[in-house]
Structures are given as structure tokens and as C-alpha cells.
C-alpha atoms as a PDB file:
ATOM      1  CA  MET A   1      31.567  78.421 -56.562  1.00  0.00           C
ATOM      2  CA  ALA A   2      30.510  78.721 -52.865  1.00  0.00           C
ATOM      3  CA  ARG A   3      27.855  81.203 -52.250  1.00  0.00           C
ATOM      4  CA  ARG A   4      28.342  84.345 -50.427  1.00  0.00           C
ATOM      5  CA  TYR A   5      25.939  85.611 -47.789  1.00  0.00           C
ATOM      6  CA  GLN A   6      25.300  88.697 -46.646  1.00  0.00           C
ATOM      7  CA  CYS A   7      25.004  88.176 -42.921  1.00  0.00           C
ATOM      8  CA  GLY A   8      24.339  85.336 -40.559  1.00  0.00           C
ATOM      9  CA  LEU A   9      20.699  85.675 -41.362  1.00  0.00           C
ATOM     10  CA  ASP A  10      20.728  85.246 -44.536  1.00  0.00           C
ATOM     11  CA  ALA A  11      22.802  81.744 -44.578  1.00  0.00           C
ATOM     12  CA  ALA A  12      20.409  80.681 -41.744  1.00  0.00           C
ATOM     13  CA  MET A  13      17.827  81.554 -44.257  1.00  0.00           C
ATOM     14  CA  ASP A  14      19.154  80.023 -47.215  1.00  0.00           C
ATOM     15  CA  VAL A  15      19.387  76.550 -44.929  1.00  0.00           C
ATOM     16  CA  ILE A  16      15.761  76.594 -43.769  1.00  0.00           C
ATOM     17  CA  GLY A  17      13.867  78.662 -45.978  1.00  0.00           C
ATOM     18  CA  GLY A  18      10.617  77.765 -47.750  1.00  0.00           C
ATOM     19  CA  LYS A  19       7.268  76.693 -45.540  1.00  0.00           C
ATOM     20  CA  TRP A  20       8.813  73.230 -44.204  1.00  0.00           C
ATOM     21  CA  LYS A  21      11.401  72.825 -42.858  1.00  0.00           C
ATOM     22  CA  ALA A  22      11.271  74.707 -39.988  1.00  0.00           C
ATOM     23  CA  LEU A  23       7.451  73.157 -38.882  1.00  0.00           C
ATOM     24  CA  ILE A  24      10.255  69.676 -39.679  1.00  0.00           C
ATOM     25  CA  LEU A  25      12.844  71.091 -37.162  1.00  0.00           C
ATOM     26  CA  TRP A  26      10.550  71.255 -34.856  1.00  0.00           C
ATOM     27  CA  ALA A  27       8.624  68.309 -35.326  1.00  0.00           C
ATOM     28  CA  LEU A  28      12.135  66.437 -34.461  1.00  0.00           C
ATOM     29  CA  HIS A  29      13.558  68.688 -31.234  1.00  0.00           C
ATOM     30  CA  VAL A  30      12.428  65.983 -28.509  1.00  0.00           C
ATOM     31  CA  GLU A  31      12.935  63.086 -29.813  1.00  0.00           C
ATOM     32  CA  GLU A  32      13.422  60.932 -33.574  1.00  0.00           C
ATOM     33  CA  ARG A  33      10.029  60.212 -35.465  1.00  0.00           C
ATOM     34  CA  ARG A  34       9.957  57.822 -38.510  1.00  0.00           C
ATOM     35  CA  PHE A  35       8.798  58.756 -41.942  1.00  0.00           C
ATOM     36  CA  GLY A  36       4.860  58.118 -40.916  1.00  0.00           C
ATOM     37  CA  GLU A  37       4.766  60.313 -37.394  1.00  0.00           C
ATOM     38  CA  LEU A  38       6.722  63.404 -39.161  1.00  0.00           C
ATOM     39  CA  ARG A  39       4.023  63.378 -42.033  1.00  0.00           C
ATOM     40  CA  ARG A  40       1.674  63.345 -39.095  1.00  0.00           C
ATOM     41  CA  ALA A  41       3.620  65.499 -37.147  1.00  0.00           C
ATOM     42  CA  VAL A  42       3.047  68.513 -39.870  1.00  0.00           C
ATOM     43  CA  PRO A  43       0.070  69.072 -41.295  1.00  0.00           C
ATOM     44  CA  GLY A  44      -0.744  69.516 -44.842  1.00  0.00           C
ATOM     45  CA  ILE A  45       2.560  68.544 -46.153  1.00  0.00           C
ATOM     46  CA  SER A  46       2.608  65.883 -49.227  1.00  0.00           C
ATOM     47  CA  GLU A  47       4.567  62.510 -48.673  1.00  0.00           C
ATOM     48  CA  LYS A  48       6.640  63.683 -51.844  1.00  0.00           C
ATOM     49  CA  MET A  49       7.574  67.083 -50.263  1.00  0.00           C
ATOM     50  CA  LEU A  50       8.535  65.941 -46.618  1.00  0.00           C
ATOM     51  CA  ILE A  51      10.976  63.162 -49.034  1.00  0.00           C
ATOM     52  CA  GLN A  52      12.312  66.522 -50.372  1.00  0.00           C
ATOM     53  CA  GLN A  53      12.695  68.388 -47.368  1.00  0.00           C
ATOM     54  CA  LEU A  54      14.159  65.583 -45.703  1.00  0.00           C
ATOM     55  CA  ARG A  55      16.665  65.270 -48.459  1.00  0.00           C
ATOM     56  CA  GLU A  56      17.995  68.530 -47.804  1.00  0.00           C
ATOM     57  CA  MET A  57      17.701  68.706 -44.457  1.00  0.00           C
ATOM     58  CA  GLU A  58      20.021  65.516 -44.463  1.00  0.00           C
ATOM     59  CA  ALA A  59      22.534  67.119 -47.942  1.00  0.00           C
ATOM     60  CA  ARG A  60      22.928  70.384 -45.069  1.00  0.00           C
ATOM     61  CA  GLY A  61      23.878  68.255 -42.066  1.00  0.00           C
ATOM     62  CA  ILE A  62      20.950  69.174 -39.565  1.00  0.00           C
ATOM     63  CA  VAL A  63      18.909  66.127 -39.750  1.00  0.00           C
ATOM     64  CA  HIS A  64      20.593  62.682 -39.475  1.00  0.00           C
ATOM     65  CA  ARG A  65      18.724  59.302 -41.225  1.00  0.00           C
ATOM     66  CA  GLU A  66      19.137  56.413 -39.956  1.00  0.00           C
ATOM     67  CA  VAL A  67      18.450  53.142 -41.807  1.00  0.00           C
ATOM     68  CA  PHE A  68      17.554  49.845 -39.692  1.00  0.00           C
ATOM     69  CA  ARG A  69      18.174  46.446 -41.364  1.00  0.00           C
ATOM     70  CA  GLU A  70      14.737  44.407 -40.391  1.00  0.00           C
ATOM     71  CA  VAL A  71      11.756  43.296 -41.646  1.00  0.00           C
ATOM     72  CA  PRO A  72      10.089  45.685 -42.530  1.00  0.00           C
ATOM     73  CA  PRO A  73      12.942  48.191 -43.237  1.00  0.00           C
ATOM     74  CA  LYS A  74      12.824  50.622 -40.166  1.00  0.00           C
ATOM     75  CA  VAL A  75      13.729  54.757 -41.120  1.00  0.00           C
ATOM     76  CA  VAL A  76      14.327  56.891 -38.679  1.00  0.00           C
ATOM     77  CA  TYR A  77      15.451  60.281 -38.753  1.00  0.00           C
ATOM     78  CA  SER A  78      16.842  62.720 -36.321  1.00  0.00           C
ATOM     79  CA  LEU A  79      18.517  66.054 -35.446  1.00  0.00           C
ATOM     80  CA  THR A  80      22.230  66.344 -35.612  1.00  0.00           C
ATOM     81  CA  PRO A  81      24.068  68.699 -33.633  1.00  0.00           C
ATOM     82  CA  LEU A  82      23.817  71.610 -36.008  1.00  0.00           C
ATOM     83  CA  GLY A  83      20.408  70.805 -36.346  1.00  0.00           C
ATOM     84  CA  GLN A  84      19.864  71.332 -33.014  1.00  0.00           C
ATOM     85  CA  SER A  85      21.344  74.250 -32.789  1.00  0.00           C
ATOM     86  CA  LEU A  86      19.047  75.661 -35.156  1.00  0.00           C
ATOM     87  CA  ASN A  87      16.120  74.267 -33.646  1.00  0.00           C
ATOM     88  CA  GLU A  88      17.137  76.743 -30.725  1.00  0.00           C
ATOM     89  CA  ALA A  89      18.227  79.701 -32.172  1.00  0.00           C
ATOM     90  CA  LEU A  90      14.355  79.245 -33.863  1.00  0.00           C
ATOM     91  CA  LEU A  91      12.848  78.968 -30.523  1.00  0.00           C
ATOM     92  CA  PRO A  92      12.862  82.751 -29.896  1.00  0.00           C
ATOM     93  CA  LEU A  93      11.010  83.116 -32.940  1.00  0.00           C
ATOM     94  CA  GLY A  94       8.674  80.578 -32.165  1.00  0.00           C
ATOM     95  CA  VAL A  95       8.006  82.718 -28.796  1.00  0.00           C
ATOM     96  CA  TRP A  96       7.174  86.052 -30.366  1.00  0.00           C
ATOM     97  CA  GLY A  97       4.710  83.703 -33.051  1.00  0.00           C
ATOM     98  CA  HIS A  98       3.308  82.422 -30.207  1.00  0.00           C
ATOM     99  CA  GLU A  99       2.586  85.729 -28.134  1.00  0.00           C
ATOM    100  CA  ASN A 100       1.897  87.594 -31.378  1.00  0.00           C
ATOM    101  CA  VAL A 101      -0.707  85.770 -32.926  1.00  0.00           C
ATOM    102  CA  GLU A 102      -3.896  87.226 -32.997  1.00  0.00           C
ATOM    103  CA  GLN A 103      -2.124  90.518 -34.107  1.00  0.00           C
ATOM    104  CA  ILE A 104      -0.693  88.363 -36.643  1.00  0.00           C
ATOM    105  CA  ILE A 105      -4.216  86.997 -38.012  1.00  0.00           C
ATOM    106  CA  GLU A 106      -5.780  90.572 -37.741  1.00  0.00           C
ATOM    107  CA  THR A 107      -2.987  91.378 -40.231  1.00  0.00           C
ATOM    108  CA  ALA A 108      -2.257  88.596 -42.538  1.00  0.00           C
ATOM    109  CA  PRO A 109      -3.727  88.800 -46.042  1.00  0.00           C
ATOM    110  CA  ALA A 110      -6.914  87.137 -47.048  1.00  0.00           C
ATOM    111  CA  THR A 111      -5.049  84.476 -48.781  1.00  0.00           C
ATOM    112  CA  ALA A 112      -2.894  83.799 -45.828  1.00  0.00           C
ATOM    113  CA  GLY A 113      -5.126  81.717 -44.214  1.00  0.00           C
ATOM    114  CA  ALA A 114      -4.076  78.293 -44.883  1.00  0.00           C
ATOM    115  CA  GLN A 115      -3.415  77.210 -40.708  1.00  0.00           C
ATOM    116  CA  ASP A 116      -6.549  77.313 -38.631  1.00  0.00           C
ATOM    117  CA  PRO A 117      -6.261  79.535 -36.454  1.00  0.00           C
ATOM    118  CA  ALA A 118      -7.027  77.759 -33.489  1.00  0.00           C
ATOM    119  CA  GLN A 119      -4.475  74.898 -33.808  1.00  0.00           C
ATOM    120  CA  PRO A 120      -1.223  75.483 -31.699  1.00  0.00           C
ATOM    121  CA  ALA A 121       1.807  76.656 -34.087  1.00  0.00           C
ATOM    122  CA  ALA A 122       5.182  75.780 -33.551  1.00  0.00           C
END
């Protein structure tokens, strides 16, 4: 039985929910990337978590995985048209975060400061 969503935001959050998917989308917004490049572009993500998130995103049709049969094997990840449109929808959220980062830092719970405030955010 298919899941029923309360609204469009509920459906979108089901696709990008969690800590990493939006950051992976951002890392792929300009160009395709190999796995190692993605891992470096998303600081703090483990190899296991990146693999899991990419598989989920591929299953949802927002990330495309292309395997090149060569030695050594080459795998490249890119956004599908659906992933590109989702990334475009997230741009205003990134702008809002950038514009309000100081207040976000000031009001964050003491346990929430995982990212260095000096690091640029997506």
C-alpha cells in the first residue's frame, strides 16, 4: 500500500529527510562526482552512510549512478532531472539559512553545534 502524504512538504521531506541527503544534493548541484569526491564534499559523513544515502536517493530517482567498465572501475553520481528540480526547490532554504546563520547559531541548543560556524554552509 502506498504511503499517503498530508501535503507536498510531507512528501518532499520523505525524500530528503535526515541529515545527509540535502547536503549530498548540494554537492552534486554543479557537476557529477565520483564517490571519493562526494565523501570529501560532505564532511563528517561515513563511507557506510554515504553508500546507504546514495542507494536510497537512487531508488527514489533523484540520483543517477553510472558505472564505467574500465580498470580500475569508475562510478559517477549525478542528479536526475527530478533531483535537479528538488535541488532548485532547496535553494531558497539555503539562502534563508545563510541570511540567518548568526541567529541560528545563537539560538541552537548546546548539543546542536556539530558544524563549525566558520565553515560555509550549503
